[in-house]
């Protein structure tokens, strides 16, 4: 009986979250984090951020692998933050703090 309840609950949760996202898509599109994610995406597609760097990786004491780790972790943190905000708006998660620049802490970790 317990396994049947768990199976029903997990199926319902997935279905409910998907439905909620679709039903409230217009509202979710106006959340500041979602707007920023869209601006970021649009900027990347337009080639924003392609100006020559002021400093080389060597001058900064970074390897290409270090840079990849920092950028990957920063982007992952940002996108997880946006999804947490959406889940909270749909009563499917908890969102208790606003953004505080955590996506930039990868550089601190490398120091």
PDB file of N, CA and C in Angstrom:
ATOM      1  N   UNK A   1       0.819  -1.194   0.000  1.00  0.00           N
ATOM      2  CA  UNK A   1       0.000   0.000   0.000  1.00  0.00           C
ATOM      3  C   UNK A   1       0.867   1.264   0.000  1.00  0.00           C
ATOM      4  N   UNK A   2       1.929   1.270   0.823  1.00  0.00           N
ATOM      5  CA  UNK A   2       2.796   2.440   0.902  1.00  0.00           C
ATOM      6  C   UNK A   2       3.454   2.722  -0.450  1.00  0.00           C
ATOM      7  N   UNK A   3       3.940   1.691  -1.144  1.00  0.00           N
ATOM      8  CA  UNK A   3       4.595   1.901  -2.432  1.00  0.00           C
ATOM      9  C   UNK A   3       3.603   2.445  -3.459  1.00  0.00           C
ATOM     10  N   UNK A   4       2.344   2.026  -3.375  1.00  0.00           N
ATOM     11  CA  UNK A   4       1.326   2.545  -4.283  1.00  0.00           C
ATOM     12  C   UNK A   4       1.102   4.033  -4.024  1.00  0.00           C
ATOM     13  N   UNK A   5       1.052   4.427  -2.752  1.00  0.00           N
ATOM     14  CA  UNK A   5       0.882   5.840  -2.410  1.00  0.00           C
ATOM     15  C   UNK A   5       2.066   6.660  -2.911  1.00  0.00           C
ATOM     16  N   UNK A   6       3.291   6.165  -2.704  1.00  0.00           N
ATOM     17  CA  UNK A   6       4.478   6.891  -3.155  1.00  0.00           C
ATOM     18  C   UNK A   6       4.487   7.027  -4.677  1.00  0.00           C
ATOM     19  N   UNK A   7       4.131   5.973  -5.383  1.00  0.00           N
ATOM     20  CA  UNK A   7       4.094   6.034  -6.845  1.00  0.00           C
ATOM     21  C   UNK A   7       3.063   7.056  -7.294  1.00  0.00           C
ATOM     22  N   UNK A   8       1.884   7.055  -6.669  1.00  0.00           N
ATOM     23  CA  UNK A   8       0.845   8.030  -7.033  1.00  0.00           C
ATOM     24  C   UNK A   8       1.325   9.441  -6.729  1.00  0.00           C
ATOM     25  N   UNK A   9       1.951   9.622  -5.568  1.00  0.00           N
ATOM     26  CA  UNK A   9       2.401  10.957  -5.174  1.00  0.00           C
ATOM     27  C   UNK A   9       3.468  11.482  -6.141  1.00  0.00           C
ATOM     28  N   UNK A  10       4.455  10.655  -6.492  1.00  0.00           N
ATOM     29  CA  UNK A  10       5.509  11.154  -7.378  1.00  0.00           C
ATOM     30  C   UNK A  10       4.959  11.449  -8.770  1.00  0.00           C
ATOM     31  N   UNK A  11       4.027  10.651  -9.250  1.00  0.00           N
ATOM     32  CA  UNK A  11       3.420  10.907 -10.557  1.00  0.00           C
ATOM     33  C   UNK A  11       2.607  12.196 -10.491  1.00  0.00           C
ATOM     34  N   UNK A  12       1.848  12.398  -9.431  1.00  0.00           N
ATOM     35  CA  UNK A  12       1.038  13.595  -9.265  1.00  0.00           C
ATOM     36  C   UNK A  12       1.927  14.844  -9.194  1.00  0.00           C
ATOM     37  N   UNK A  13       3.043  14.764  -8.448  1.00  0.00           N
ATOM     38  CA  UNK A  13       3.925  15.915  -8.289  1.00  0.00           C
ATOM     39  C   UNK A  13       4.483  16.353  -9.635  1.00  0.00           C
ATOM     40  N   UNK A  14       4.998  15.412 -10.415  1.00  0.00           N
ATOM     41  CA  UNK A  14       5.554  15.748 -11.719  1.00  0.00           C
ATOM     42  C   UNK A  14       4.486  16.364 -12.606  1.00  0.00           C
ATOM     43  N   UNK A  15       3.346  15.746 -12.640  1.00  0.00           N
ATOM     44  CA  UNK A  15       2.244  16.248 -13.456  1.00  0.00           C
ATOM     45  C   UNK A  15       1.801  17.631 -12.964  1.00  0.00           C
ATOM     46  N   UNK A  16       1.685  17.804 -11.663  1.00  0.00           N
ATOM     47  CA  UNK A  16       1.243  19.070 -11.098  1.00  0.00           C
ATOM     48  C   UNK A  16       2.230  20.185 -11.405  1.00  0.00           C
ATOM     49  N   UNK A  17       3.509  19.944 -11.215  1.00  0.00           N
ATOM     50  CA  UNK A  17       4.511  20.976 -11.473  1.00  0.00           C
ATOM     51  C   UNK A  17       4.498  21.393 -12.945  1.00  0.00           C
ATOM     52  N   UNK A  18       4.451  20.437 -13.829  1.00  0.00           N
ATOM     53  CA  UNK A  18       4.417  20.740 -15.264  1.00  0.00           C
ATOM     54  C   UNK A  18       3.169  21.558 -15.595  1.00  0.00           C
ATOM     55  N   UNK A  19       2.035  21.131 -15.086  1.00  0.00           N
ATOM     56  CA  UNK A  19       0.784  21.854 -15.331  1.00  0.00           C
ATOM     57  C   UNK A  19       0.829  23.262 -14.767  1.00  0.00           C
ATOM     58  N   UNK A  20       1.345  23.393 -13.559  1.00  0.00           N
ATOM     59  CA  UNK A  20       1.428  24.718 -12.947  1.00  0.00           C
ATOM     60  C   UNK A  20       2.321  25.647 -13.762  1.00  0.00           C
ATOM     61  N   UNK A  21       3.445  25.131 -14.235  1.00  0.00           N
ATOM     62  CA  UNK A  21       4.349  25.960 -15.043  1.00  0.00           C
ATOM     63  C   UNK A  21       3.663  26.424 -16.324  1.00  0.00           C
ATOM     64  N   UNK A  22       2.930  25.521 -16.960  1.00  0.00           N
ATOM     65  CA  UNK A  22       2.239  25.881 -18.200  1.00  0.00           C
ATOM     66  C   UNK A  22       1.095  26.847 -17.932  1.00  0.00           C
ATOM     67  N   UNK A  23       0.322  26.571 -16.901  1.00  0.00           N
ATOM     68  CA  UNK A  23      -0.838  27.401 -16.584  1.00  0.00           C
ATOM     69  C   UNK A  23      -0.424  28.820 -16.204  1.00  0.00           C
ATOM     70  N   UNK A  24       0.688  28.953 -15.501  1.00  0.00           N
ATOM     71  CA  UNK A  24       1.112  30.269 -15.012  1.00  0.00           C
ATOM     72  C   UNK A  24       2.302  30.829 -15.796  1.00  0.00           C
ATOM     73  N   UNK A  25       2.502  30.371 -17.004  1.00  0.00           N
ATOM     74  CA  UNK A  25       3.665  30.771 -17.807  1.00  0.00           C
ATOM     75  C   UNK A  25       3.757  32.286 -17.981  1.00  0.00           C
ATOM     76  N   UNK A  26       2.647  32.957 -18.239  1.00  0.00           N
ATOM     77  CA  UNK A  26       2.691  34.413 -18.426  1.00  0.00           C
ATOM     78  C   UNK A  26       3.143  35.118 -17.153  1.00  0.00           C
ATOM     79  N   UNK A  27       2.636  34.669 -16.018  1.00  0.00           N
ATOM     80  CA  UNK A  27       3.044  35.252 -14.739  1.00  0.00           C
ATOM     81  C   UNK A  27       4.518  34.966 -14.459  1.00  0.00           C
ATOM     82  N   UNK A  28       4.940  33.717 -14.638  1.00  0.00           N
ATOM     83  CA  UNK A  28       6.324  33.341 -14.361  1.00  0.00           C
ATOM     84  C   UNK A  28       7.309  34.103 -15.239  1.00  0.00           C
ATOM     85  N   UNK A  29       6.907  34.420 -16.449  1.00  0.00           N
ATOM     86  CA  UNK A  29       7.788  35.151 -17.368  1.00  0.00           C
ATOM     87  C   UNK A  29       8.104  36.554 -16.866  1.00  0.00           C
ATOM     88  N   UNK A  30       7.335  37.067 -15.906  1.00  0.00           N
ATOM     89  CA  UNK A  30       7.534  38.427 -15.391  1.00  0.00           C
ATOM     90  C   UNK A  30       8.314  38.475 -14.083  1.00  0.00           C
ATOM     91  N   UNK A  31       8.676  37.318 -13.540  1.00  0.00           N
ATOM     92  CA  UNK A  31       9.477  37.286 -12.309  1.00  0.00           C
ATOM     93  C   UNK A  31      10.849  37.879 -12.633  1.00  0.00           C
ATOM     94  N   UNK A  32      11.375  38.760 -11.771  1.00  0.00           N
ATOM     95  CA  UNK A  32      12.664  39.412 -12.081  1.00  0.00           C
ATOM     96  C   UNK A  32      13.779  38.444 -12.463  1.00  0.00           C
ATOM     97  N   UNK A  33      13.897  37.329 -11.769  1.00  0.00           N
ATOM     98  CA  UNK A  33      14.956  36.368 -12.089  1.00  0.00           C
ATOM     99  C   UNK A  33      14.763  35.752 -13.466  1.00  0.00           C
ATOM    100  N   UNK A  34      13.524  35.505 -13.833  1.00  0.00           N
ATOM    101  CA  UNK A  34      13.237  34.942 -15.148  1.00  0.00           C
ATOM    102  C   UNK A  34      13.532  35.979 -16.230  1.00  0.00           C
ATOM    103  N   UNK A  35      13.176  37.222 -15.973  1.00  0.00           N
ATOM    104  CA  UNK A  35      13.489  38.300 -16.923  1.00  0.00           C
ATOM    105  C   UNK A  35      14.998  38.427 -17.115  1.00  0.00           C
ATOM    106  N   UNK A  36      15.744  38.358 -16.015  1.00  0.00           N
ATOM    107  CA  UNK A  36      17.201  38.459 -16.113  1.00  0.00           C
ATOM    108  C   UNK A  36      17.783  37.279 -16.868  1.00  0.00           C
ATOM    109  N   UNK A  37      17.243  36.081 -16.629  1.00  0.00           N
ATOM    110  CA  UNK A  37      17.705  34.908 -17.370  1.00  0.00           C
ATOM    111  C   UNK A  37      17.488  35.108 -18.864  1.00  0.00           C
ATOM    112  N   UNK A  38      16.347  35.673 -19.241  1.00  0.00           N
ATOM    113  CA  UNK A  38      16.053  35.923 -20.652  1.00  0.00           C
ATOM    114  C   UNK A  38      16.992  36.986 -21.228  1.00  0.00           C
ATOM    115  N   UNK A  39      17.257  38.048 -20.452  1.00  0.00           N
ATOM    116  CA  UNK A  39      18.204  39.078 -20.915  1.00  0.00           C
ATOM    117  C   UNK A  39      19.595  38.487 -21.115  1.00  0.00           C
ATOM    118  N   UNK A  40      20.001  37.627 -20.193  1.00  0.00           N
ATOM    119  CA  UNK A  40      21.302  36.973 -20.298  1.00  0.00           C
ATOM    120  C   UNK A  40      21.366  36.120 -21.561  1.00  0.00           C
ATOM    121  N   UNK A  41      20.325  35.319 -21.785  1.00  0.00           N
ATOM    122  CA  UNK A  41      20.264  34.471 -22.980  1.00  0.00           C
ATOM    123  C   UNK A  41      20.310  35.302 -24.248  1.00  0.00           C
ATOM    124  N   UNK A  42      19.508  36.361 -24.286  1.00  0.00           N
ATOM    125  CA  UNK A  42      19.479  37.226 -25.463  1.00  0.00           C
ATOM    126  C   UNK A  42      20.842  37.859 -25.719  1.00  0.00           C
ATOM    127  N   UNK A  43      21.498  38.290 -24.641  1.00  0.00           N
ATOM    128  CA  UNK A  43      22.825  38.891 -24.781  1.00  0.00           C
ATOM    129  C   UNK A  43      23.844  37.920 -25.342  1.00  0.00           C
ATOM    130  N   UNK A  44      23.806  36.694 -24.855  1.00  0.00           N
ATOM    131  CA  UNK A  44      24.729  35.666 -25.362  1.00  0.00           C
ATOM    132  C   UNK A  44      24.476  35.421 -26.843  1.00  0.00           C
ATOM    133  N   UNK A  45      23.202  35.310 -27.216  1.00  0.00           N
ATOM    134  CA  UNK A  45      22.871  35.055 -28.620  1.00  0.00           C
ATOM    135  C   UNK A  45      23.282  36.212 -29.524  1.00  0.00           C
ATOM    136  N   UNK A  46      23.297  37.427 -28.992  1.00  0.00           N
ATOM    137  CA  UNK A  46      23.701  38.595 -29.776  1.00  0.00           C
ATOM    138  C   UNK A  46      25.209  38.821 -29.747  1.00  0.00           C
ATOM    139  N   UNK A  47      25.927  38.011 -28.972  1.00  0.00           N
ATOM    140  CA  UNK A  47      27.379  38.155 -28.904  1.00  0.00           C
ATOM    141  C   UNK A  47      27.854  39.142 -27.863  1.00  0.00           C
ATOM    142  N   UNK A  48      26.998  39.503 -26.926  1.00  0.00           N
ATOM    143  CA  UNK A  48      27.413  40.417 -25.861  1.00  0.00           C
ATOM    144  C   UNK A  48      28.516  39.768 -25.036  1.00  0.00           C
ATOM    145  N   UNK A  49      29.379  40.584 -24.506  1.00  0.00           N
ATOM    146  CA  UNK A  49      30.451  40.062 -23.670  1.00  0.00           C
ATOM    147  C   UNK A  49      31.633  39.549 -24.453  1.00  0.00           C
ATOM    148  N   UNK A  50      31.742  39.930 -25.709  1.00  0.00           N
ATOM    149  CA  UNK A  50      32.847  39.437 -26.522  1.00  0.00           C
ATOM    150  C   UNK A  50      33.956  40.471 -26.670  1.00  0.00           C
ATOM    151  N   UNK A  51      33.924  41.529 -25.866  1.00  0.00           N
ATOM    152  CA  UNK A  51      34.987  42.534 -25.910  1.00  0.00           C
ATOM    153  C   UNK A  51      36.301  41.898 -25.459  1.00  0.00           C
ATOM    154  N   UNK A  52      37.413  42.394 -25.972  1.00  0.00           N
ATOM    155  CA  UNK A  52      38.703  41.832 -25.549  1.00  0.00           C
ATOM    156  C   UNK A  52      38.884  41.991 -24.038  1.00  0.00           C
ATOM    157  N   UNK A  53      39.390  40.966 -23.375  1.00  0.00           N
ATOM    158  CA  UNK A  53      39.581  41.055 -21.917  1.00  0.00           C
ATOM    159  C   UNK A  53      40.682  42.058 -21.569  1.00  0.00           C
ATOM    160  N   UNK A  54      40.564  42.643 -20.403  1.00  0.00           N
ATOM    161  CA  UNK A  54      41.591  43.594 -19.931  1.00  0.00           C
ATOM    162  C   UNK A  54      42.838  42.872 -19.443  1.00  0.00           C
ATOM    163  N   UNK A  55      42.624  41.663 -18.931  1.00  0.00           N
ATOM    164  CA  UNK A  55      43.732  40.895 -18.372  1.00  0.00           C
ATOM    165  C   UNK A  55      43.718  39.494 -18.973  1.00  0.00           C
ATOM    166  N   UNK A  56      44.882  38.920 -19.106  1.00  0.00           N
ATOM    167  CA  UNK A  56      44.958  37.531 -19.588  1.00  0.00           C
ATOM    168  C   UNK A  56      44.730  36.589 -18.407  1.00  0.00           C
ATOM    169  N   UNK A  57      44.405  35.345 -18.730  1.00  0.00           N
ATOM    170  CA  UNK A  57      44.246  34.353 -17.669  1.00  0.00           C
ATOM    171  C   UNK A  57      45.545  34.222 -16.870  1.00  0.00           C
ATOM    172  N   UNK A  58      46.649  34.295 -17.562  1.00  0.00           N
ATOM    173  CA  UNK A  58      47.944  34.183 -16.889  1.00  0.00           C
ATOM    174  C   UNK A  58      48.129  35.331 -15.898  1.00  0.00           C
ATOM    175  N   UNK A  59      47.787  36.543 -16.306  1.00  0.00           N
ATOM    176  CA  UNK A  59      47.902  37.691 -15.399  1.00  0.00           C
ATOM    177  C   UNK A  59      46.998  37.530 -14.168  1.00  0.00           C
ATOM    178  N   UNK A  60      45.881  36.860 -14.349  1.00  0.00           N
ATOM    179  CA  UNK A  60      44.950  36.638 -13.244  1.00  0.00           C
ATOM    180  C   UNK A  60      45.306  35.399 -12.422  1.00  0.00           C
ATOM    181  N   UNK A  61      46.297  34.644 -12.893  1.00  0.00           N
ATOM    182  CA  UNK A  61      46.697  33.433 -12.186  1.00  0.00           C
ATOM    183  C   UNK A  61      45.729  32.289 -12.366  1.00  0.00           C
ATOM    184  N   UNK A  62      45.042  32.274 -13.503  1.00  0.00           N
ATOM    185  CA  UNK A  62      44.046  31.239 -13.774  1.00  0.00           C
ATOM    186  C   UNK A  62      44.442  30.397 -14.981  1.00  0.00           C
ATOM    187  N   UNK A  63      44.071  29.156 -14.931  1.00  0.00           N
ATOM    188  CA  UNK A  63      44.217  28.303 -16.102  1.00  0.00           C
ATOM    189  C   UNK A  63      42.892  28.298 -16.860  1.00  0.00           C
ATOM    190  N   UNK A  64      42.885  27.740 -18.058  1.00  0.00           N
ATOM    191  CA  UNK A  64      41.624  27.620 -18.796  1.00  0.00           C
ATOM    192  C   UNK A  64      40.638  26.733 -18.034  1.00  0.00           C
ATOM    193  N   UNK A  65      41.150  25.705 -17.388  1.00  0.00           N
ATOM    194  CA  UNK A  65      40.298  24.814 -16.598  1.00  0.00           C
ATOM    195  C   UNK A  65      39.685  25.574 -15.407  1.00  0.00           C
ATOM    196  N   UNK A  66      40.483  26.428 -14.742  1.00  0.00           N
ATOM    197  CA  UNK A  66      39.953  27.252 -13.651  1.00  0.00           C
ATOM    198  C   UNK A  66      38.804  28.127 -14.144  1.00  0.00           C
ATOM    199  N   UNK A  67      39.010  28.753 -15.283  1.00  0.00           N
ATOM    200  CA  UNK A  67      37.983  29.628 -15.845  1.00  0.00           C
ATOM    201  C   UNK A  67      36.719  28.832 -16.162  1.00  0.00           C
ATOM    202  N   UNK A  68      36.876  27.652 -16.743  1.00  0.00           N
ATOM    203  CA  UNK A  68      35.718  26.821 -17.054  1.00  0.00           C
ATOM    204  C   UNK A  68      34.949  26.462 -15.786  1.00  0.00           C
ATOM    205  N   UNK A  69      35.660  26.093 -14.737  1.00  0.00           N
ATOM    206  CA  UNK A  69      35.015  25.727 -13.472  1.00  0.00           C
ATOM    207  C   UNK A  69      34.248  26.917 -12.895  1.00  0.00           C
ATOM    208  N   UNK A  70      34.859  28.090 -12.895  1.00  0.00           N
ATOM    209  CA  UNK A  70      34.212  29.282 -12.340  1.00  0.00           C
ATOM    210  C   UNK A  70      32.965  29.644 -13.136  1.00  0.00           C
ATOM    211  N   UNK A  71      33.079  29.635 -14.457  1.00  0.00           N
ATOM    212  CA  UNK A  71      31.932  29.997 -15.298  1.00  0.00           C
ATOM    213  C   UNK A  71      30.826  28.943 -15.172  1.00  0.00           C
ATOM    214  N   UNK A  72      31.179  27.669 -15.241  1.00  0.00           N
ATOM    215  CA  UNK A  72      30.172  26.605 -15.114  1.00  0.00           C
ATOM    216  C   UNK A  72      29.452  26.670 -13.772  1.00  0.00           C
ATOM    217  N   UNK A  73      30.213  26.832 -12.694  1.00  0.00           N
ATOM    218  CA  UNK A  73      29.570  26.860 -11.375  1.00  0.00           C
ATOM    219  C   UNK A  73      28.727  28.118 -11.192  1.00  0.00           C
ATOM    220  N   UNK A  74      29.183  29.239 -11.719  1.00  0.00           N
ATOM    221  CA  UNK A  74      28.390  30.464 -11.635  1.00  0.00           C
ATOM    222  C   UNK A  74      27.086  30.362 -12.396  1.00  0.00           C
ATOM    223  N   UNK A  75      27.145  29.810 -13.602  1.00  0.00           N
ATOM    224  CA  UNK A  75      25.923  29.638 -14.392  1.00  0.00           C
ATOM    225  C   UNK A  75      24.984  28.625 -13.750  1.00  0.00           C
ATOM    226  N   UNK A  76      25.528  27.522 -13.260  1.00  0.00           N
ATOM    227  CA  UNK A  76      24.684  26.517 -12.607  1.00  0.00           C
ATOM    228  C   UNK A  76      23.983  27.115 -11.393  1.00  0.00           C
ATOM    229  N   UNK A  77      24.705  27.890 -10.608  1.00  0.00           N
ATOM    230  CA  UNK A  77      24.118  28.527  -9.430  1.00  0.00           C
ATOM    231  C   UNK A  77      23.013  29.490  -9.830  1.00  0.00           C
ATOM    232  N   UNK A  78      23.257  30.289 -10.851  1.00  0.00           N
ATOM    233  CA  UNK A  78      22.246  31.242 -11.310  1.00  0.00           C
ATOM    234  C   UNK A  78      20.987  30.526 -11.783  1.00  0.00           C
ATOM    235  N   UNK A  79      21.149  29.495 -12.610  1.00  0.00           N
ATOM    236  CA  UNK A  79      19.978  28.792 -13.143  1.00  0.00           C
ATOM    237  C   UNK A  79      19.235  28.011 -12.062  1.00  0.00           C
ATOM    238  N   UNK A  80      19.945  27.467 -11.086  1.00  0.00           N
ATOM    239  CA  UNK A  80      19.279  26.813  -9.959  1.00  0.00           C
ATOM    240  C   UNK A  80      18.491  27.832  -9.136  1.00  0.00           C
ATOM    241  N   UNK A  81      19.061  29.011  -8.971  1.00  0.00           N
ATOM    242  CA  UNK A  81      18.372  30.090  -8.253  1.00  0.00           C
ATOM    243  C   UNK A  81      17.054  30.434  -8.954  1.00  0.00           C
ATOM    244  N   UNK A  82      17.092  30.574 -10.268  1.00  0.00           N
ATOM    245  CA  UNK A  82      15.881  30.900 -11.032  1.00  0.00           C
ATOM    246  C   UNK A  82      14.844  29.788 -10.878  1.00  0.00           C
ATOM    247  N   UNK A  83      15.266  28.536 -11.000  1.00  0.00           N
ATOM    248  CA  UNK A  83      14.319  27.425 -10.861  1.00  0.00           C
ATOM    249  C   UNK A  83      13.755  27.336  -9.446  1.00  0.00           C
ATOM    250  N   UNK A  84      14.565  27.652  -8.436  1.00  0.00           N
ATOM    251  CA  UNK A  84      14.052  27.656  -7.057  1.00  0.00           C
ATOM    252  C   UNK A  84      12.996  28.736  -6.890  1.00  0.00           C
ATOM    253  N   UNK A  85      13.222  29.876  -7.497  1.00  0.00           N
ATOM    254  CA  UNK A  85      12.242  30.975  -7.431  1.00  0.00           C
ATOM    255  C   UNK A  85      10.936  30.572  -8.098  1.00  0.00           C
ATOM    256  N   UNK A  86      11.016  29.927  -9.249  1.00  0.00           N
ATOM    257  CA  UNK A  86       9.816  29.467  -9.962  1.00  0.00           C
ATOM    258  C   UNK A  86       9.082  28.419  -9.118  1.00  0.00           C
ATOM    259  N   UNK A  87       9.812  27.444  -8.596  1.00  0.00           N
ATOM    260  CA  UNK A  87       9.182  26.400  -7.778  1.00  0.00           C
ATOM    261  C   UNK A  87       8.478  26.999  -6.575  1.00  0.00           C
ATOM    262  N   UNK A  88       9.083  27.986  -5.966  1.00  0.00           N
ATOM    263  CA  UNK A  88       8.452  28.645  -4.819  1.00  0.00           C
ATOM    264  C   UNK A  88       7.161  29.348  -5.230  1.00  0.00           C
ATOM    265  N   UNK A  89       7.190  30.024  -6.354  1.00  0.00           N
ATOM    266  CA  UNK A  89       5.993  30.708  -6.845  1.00  0.00           C
ATOM    267  C   UNK A  89       4.857  29.731  -7.135  1.00  0.00           C
ATOM    268  N   UNK A  90       5.212  28.485  -7.443  1.00  0.00           N
ATOM    269  CA  UNK A  90       4.211  27.468  -7.762  1.00  0.00           C
ATOM    270  C   UNK A  90       3.862  26.604  -6.554  1.00  0.00           C
ATOM    271  N   UNK A  91       4.332  27.008  -5.375  1.00  0.00           N
ATOM    272  CA  UNK A  91       4.115  26.260  -4.134  1.00  0.00           C
ATOM    273  C   UNK A  91       4.652  24.837  -4.238  1.00  0.00           C
ATOM    274  N   UNK A  92       5.759  24.678  -4.947  1.00  0.00           N
ATOM    275  CA  UNK A  92       6.397  23.377  -5.115  1.00  0.00           C
ATOM    276  C   UNK A  92       7.821  23.382  -4.565  1.00  0.00           C
ATOM    277  N   UNK A  93       8.174  24.399  -3.824  1.00  0.00           N
ATOM    278  CA  UNK A  93       9.508  24.484  -3.256  1.00  0.00           C
ATOM    279  C   UNK A  93       9.574  25.638  -2.280  1.00  0.00           C
ATOM    280  N   UNK A  94      10.742  25.841  -1.716  1.00  0.00           N
ATOM    281  CA  UNK A  94      10.931  26.906  -0.743  1.00  0.00           C
ATOM    282  C   UNK A  94      12.005  27.856  -1.237  1.00  0.00           C
ATOM    283  N   UNK A  95      11.720  29.118  -1.159  1.00  0.00           N
ATOM    284  CA  UNK A  95      12.648  30.162  -1.579  1.00  0.00           C
ATOM    285  C   UNK A  95      12.644  31.195  -0.473  1.00  0.00           C
ATOM    286  N   UNK A  96      13.714  31.267   0.272  1.00  0.00           N
ATOM    287  CA  UNK A  96      13.683  32.106   1.459  1.00  0.00           C
ATOM    288  C   UNK A  96      14.583  33.327   1.391  1.00  0.00           C
ATOM    289  N   UNK A  97      15.488  33.385   0.413  1.00  0.00           N
ATOM    290  CA  UNK A  97      16.378  34.538   0.326  1.00  0.00           C
ATOM    291  C   UNK A  97      16.433  35.034  -1.109  1.00  0.00           C
ATOM    292  N   UNK A  98      16.808  36.264  -1.258  1.00  0.00           N
ATOM    293  CA  UNK A  98      16.998  36.811  -2.588  1.00  0.00           C
ATOM    294  C   UNK A  98      18.418  36.555  -3.059  1.00  0.00           C
ATOM    295  N   UNK A  99      18.701  36.942  -4.290  1.00  0.00           N
ATOM    296  CA  UNK A  99      20.049  36.740  -4.814  1.00  0.00           C
ATOM    297  C   UNK A  99      21.052  37.584  -4.030  1.00  0.00           C
ATOM    298  N   UNK A 100      22.195  36.995  -3.789  1.00  0.00           N
ATOM    299  CA  UNK A 100      23.214  37.735  -3.029  1.00  0.00           C
ATOM    300  C   UNK A 100      24.593  37.585  -3.654  1.00  0.00           C
ATOM    301  N   UNK A 101      24.630  37.359  -4.956  1.00  0.00           N
ATOM    302  CA  UNK A 101      25.908  37.288  -5.650  1.00  0.00           C
ATOM    303  C   UNK A 101      26.629  35.972  -5.500  1.00  0.00           C
ATOM    304  N   UNK A 102      25.914  34.932  -5.080  1.00  0.00           N
ATOM    305  CA  UNK A 102      26.571  33.654  -4.860  1.00  0.00           C
ATOM    306  C   UNK A 102      27.199  33.084  -6.124  1.00  0.00           C
ATOM    307  N   UNK A 103      26.691  33.504  -7.286  1.00  0.00           N
ATOM    308  CA  UNK A 103      27.263  32.969  -8.521  1.00  0.00           C
ATOM    309  C   UNK A 103      28.672  33.491  -8.787  1.00  0.00           C
ATOM    310  N   UNK A 104      29.107  34.495  -8.047  1.00  0.00           N
ATOM    311  CA  UNK A 104      30.464  35.022  -8.220  1.00  0.00           C
ATOM    312  C   UNK A 104      31.459  34.412  -7.232  1.00  0.00           C
ATOM    313  N   UNK A 105      31.015  33.550  -6.350  1.00  0.00           N
ATOM    314  CA  UNK A 105      31.892  33.014  -5.316  1.00  0.00           C
ATOM    315  C   UNK A 105      32.848  31.936  -5.817  1.00  0.00           C
ATOM    316  N   UNK A 106      32.711  31.511  -7.070  1.00  0.00           N
ATOM    317  CA  UNK A 106      33.646  30.531  -7.621  1.00  0.00           C
ATOM    318  C   UNK A 106      35.073  31.032  -7.572  1.00  0.00           C
ATOM    319  N   UNK A 107      35.261  32.306  -7.814  1.00  0.00           N
ATOM    320  CA  UNK A 107      36.611  32.888  -7.757  1.00  0.00           C
ATOM    321  C   UNK A 107      37.167  32.828  -6.335  1.00  0.00           C
ATOM    322  N   UNK A 108      36.315  33.034  -5.363  1.00  0.00           N
ATOM    323  CA  UNK A 108      36.754  32.954  -3.960  1.00  0.00           C
ATOM    324  C   UNK A 108      37.207  31.532  -3.654  1.00  0.00           C
ATOM    325  N   UNK A 109      36.473  30.550  -4.151  1.00  0.00           N
ATOM    326  CA  UNK A 109      36.818  29.156  -3.912  1.00  0.00           C
ATOM    327  C   UNK A 109      38.179  28.805  -4.507  1.00  0.00           C
ATOM    328  N   UNK A 110      38.508  29.422  -5.634  1.00  0.00           N
ATOM    329  CA  UNK A 110      39.805  29.131  -6.268  1.00  0.00           C
ATOM    330  C   UNK A 110      40.967  29.818  -5.556  1.00  0.00           C
ATOM    331  N   UNK A 111      40.669  30.841  -4.795  1.00  0.00           N
ATOM    332  CA  UNK A 111      41.736  31.623  -4.148  1.00  0.00           C
ATOM    333  C   UNK A 111      42.446  30.848  -3.048  1.00  0.00           C
TER     334      UNK A 111
END
